[in-house]
Amino acid sequence: MKGDRVEIVVDAGDSTRTYEVVATRAGRRVEIAVRRGVVEVTEVTRSGTAVRTARFMANRVLALVEHPVPRADPQDAA
């Protein structure tokens, strides 16, 4: 099963732009950090190595939507 997906909606002046960061392989995840006015969305491997990173100015970010993968309920498997 693949990892998470994050959508970022950014104010681009006269319009808005939507970016998407997706964990491309099984076992990877997407982490979000806000530091010093910058929103950083990173795809990370199981060992913690960053695969790719997207950075946005925090005052331009309108929405940050996380779409986690639906986890299998252990009771459903039985």
C-alpha atoms as a PDB file:
ATOM      1  CA  MET A   1       0.000   0.000   0.000  1.00  0.00           C
ATOM      2  CA  LYS A   2       1.305   3.446  -0.824  1.00  0.00           C
ATOM      3  CA  GLY A   3       1.845   6.240   1.668  1.00  0.00           C
ATOM      4  CA  ASP A   4       0.204   9.584   2.194  1.00  0.00           C
ATOM      5  CA  ARG A   5      -0.795  12.421  -0.115  1.00  0.00           C
ATOM      6  CA  VAL A   6      -0.756  16.159   0.661  1.00  0.00           C
ATOM      7  CA  GLU A   7      -2.384  18.940  -1.360  1.00  0.00           C
ATOM      8  CA  ILE A   8      -1.098  22.509  -1.023  1.00  0.00           C
ATOM      9  CA  VAL A   9      -3.184  25.448  -2.291  1.00  0.00           C
ATOM     10  CA  VAL A  10      -1.067  28.555  -2.866  1.00  0.00           C
ATOM     11  CA  ASP A  11      -2.037  32.159  -3.656  1.00  0.00           C
ATOM     12  CA  ALA A  12      -0.321  33.011  -6.944  1.00  0.00           C
ATOM     13  CA  GLY A  13      -1.370  36.658  -7.166  1.00  0.00           C
ATOM     14  CA  ASP A  14      -4.414  36.786  -9.436  1.00  0.00           C
ATOM     15  CA  SER A  15      -5.196  33.051  -9.120  1.00  0.00           C
ATOM     16  CA  THR A  16      -4.530  30.019  -6.971  1.00  0.00           C
ATOM     17  CA  ARG A  17      -2.335  27.024  -7.746  1.00  0.00           C
ATOM     18  CA  THR A  18      -2.655  23.545  -6.318  1.00  0.00           C
ATOM     19  CA  TYR A  19       0.371  21.346  -5.776  1.00  0.00           C
ATOM     20  CA  GLU A  20       0.376  17.729  -4.688  1.00  0.00           C
ATOM     21  CA  VAL A  21       3.101  15.736  -2.948  1.00  0.00           C
ATOM     22  CA  VAL A  22       2.520  11.984  -2.962  1.00  0.00           C
ATOM     23  CA  ALA A  23       4.480   9.183  -1.351  1.00  0.00           C
ATOM     24  CA  THR A  24       5.367   7.347  -4.570  1.00  0.00           C
ATOM     25  CA  ARG A  25       6.325   3.955  -3.145  1.00  0.00           C
ATOM     26  CA  ALA A  26       5.173   1.651  -0.389  1.00  0.00           C
ATOM     27  CA  GLY A  27       6.727   2.441   2.984  1.00  0.00           C
ATOM     28  CA  ARG A  28       7.263   6.115   2.257  1.00  0.00           C
ATOM     29  CA  ARG A  29       5.428   8.914   3.985  1.00  0.00           C
ATOM     30  CA  VAL A  30       4.920  12.649   3.606  1.00  0.00           C
ATOM     31  CA  GLU A  31       5.978  14.952   6.432  1.00  0.00           C
ATOM     32  CA  ILE A  32       5.054  18.609   6.903  1.00  0.00           C
ATOM     33  CA  ALA A  33       7.091  21.217   8.771  1.00  0.00           C
ATOM     34  CA  VAL A  34       6.554  24.950   9.257  1.00  0.00           C
ATOM     35  CA  ARG A  35       9.756  26.835  10.033  1.00  0.00           C
ATOM     36  CA  ARG A  36      10.597  30.531   9.881  1.00  0.00           C
ATOM     37  CA  GLY A  37       7.747  31.426   7.554  1.00  0.00           C
ATOM     38  CA  VAL A  38       8.293  28.493   5.192  1.00  0.00           C
ATOM     39  CA  VAL A  39       6.037  25.450   4.794  1.00  0.00           C
ATOM     40  CA  GLU A  40       8.096  22.405   3.854  1.00  0.00           C
ATOM     41  CA  VAL A  41       6.455  19.220   2.548  1.00  0.00           C
ATOM     42  CA  THR A  42       8.864  16.279   2.258  1.00  0.00           C
ATOM     43  CA  GLU A  43       8.542  12.721   0.965  1.00  0.00           C
ATOM     44  CA  VAL A  44      10.555  10.530   3.339  1.00  0.00           C
ATOM     45  CA  THR A  45      11.695   6.894   3.192  1.00  0.00           C
ATOM     46  CA  ARG A  46      11.349   4.441   6.080  1.00  0.00           C
ATOM     47  CA  SER A  47      14.886   5.227   7.219  1.00  0.00           C
ATOM     48  CA  GLY A  48      14.153   8.972   7.292  1.00  0.00           C
ATOM     49  CA  THR A  49      15.994   9.997   4.123  1.00  0.00           C
ATOM     50  CA  ALA A  50      14.305  12.853   2.255  1.00  0.00           C
ATOM     51  CA  VAL A  51      13.480  11.894  -1.346  1.00  0.00           C
ATOM     52  CA  ARG A  52      12.035  15.216  -2.492  1.00  0.00           C
ATOM     53  CA  THR A  53      10.953  18.439  -0.857  1.00  0.00           C
ATOM     54  CA  ALA A  54       8.536  21.224  -1.791  1.00  0.00           C
ATOM     55  CA  ARG A  55       8.851  24.611  -0.068  1.00  0.00           C
ATOM     56  CA  PHE A  56       6.285  27.399   0.021  1.00  0.00           C
ATOM     57  CA  MET A  57       6.176  30.786   1.733  1.00  0.00           C
ATOM     58  CA  ALA A  58       3.775  30.391   4.661  1.00  0.00           C
ATOM     59  CA  ASN A  59       1.951  33.674   4.003  1.00  0.00           C
ATOM     60  CA  ARG A  60       1.048  32.424   0.481  1.00  0.00           C
ATOM     61  CA  VAL A  61      -0.334  29.041   1.561  1.00  0.00           C
ATOM     62  CA  LEU A  62      -4.144  29.114   1.631  1.00  0.00           C
ATOM     63  CA  ALA A  63      -4.788  25.456   2.472  1.00  0.00           C
ATOM     64  CA  LEU A  64      -2.817  22.378   3.386  1.00  0.00           C
ATOM     65  CA  VAL A  65      -4.872  19.183   3.046  1.00  0.00           C
ATOM     66  CA  GLU A  66      -3.538  15.833   4.233  1.00  0.00           C
ATOM     67  CA  HIS A  67      -5.011  12.661   2.734  1.00  0.00           C
ATOM     68  CA  PRO A  68      -3.823   9.681   4.806  1.00  0.00           C
ATOM     69  CA  VAL A  69      -4.083   6.189   3.398  1.00  0.00           C
ATOM     70  CA  PRO A  70      -7.028   4.296   4.843  1.00  0.00           C
ATOM     71  CA  ARG A  71      -5.609   1.740   7.247  1.00  0.00           C
ATOM     72  CA  ALA A  72      -6.944  -1.803   7.266  1.00  0.00           C
ATOM     73  CA  ASP A  73      -8.915  -2.487  10.446  1.00  0.00           C
ATOM     74  CA  PRO A  74      -7.540  -5.615  12.202  1.00  0.00           C
ATOM     75  CA  GLN A  75     -11.094  -6.722  12.975  1.00  0.00           C
ATOM     76  CA  ASP A  76     -11.995  -6.730   9.253  1.00  0.00           C
ATOM     77  CA  ALA A  77      -9.131  -9.112   8.431  1.00  0.00           C
ATOM     78  CA  ALA A  78     -10.396 -11.800  10.799  1.00  0.00           C
END
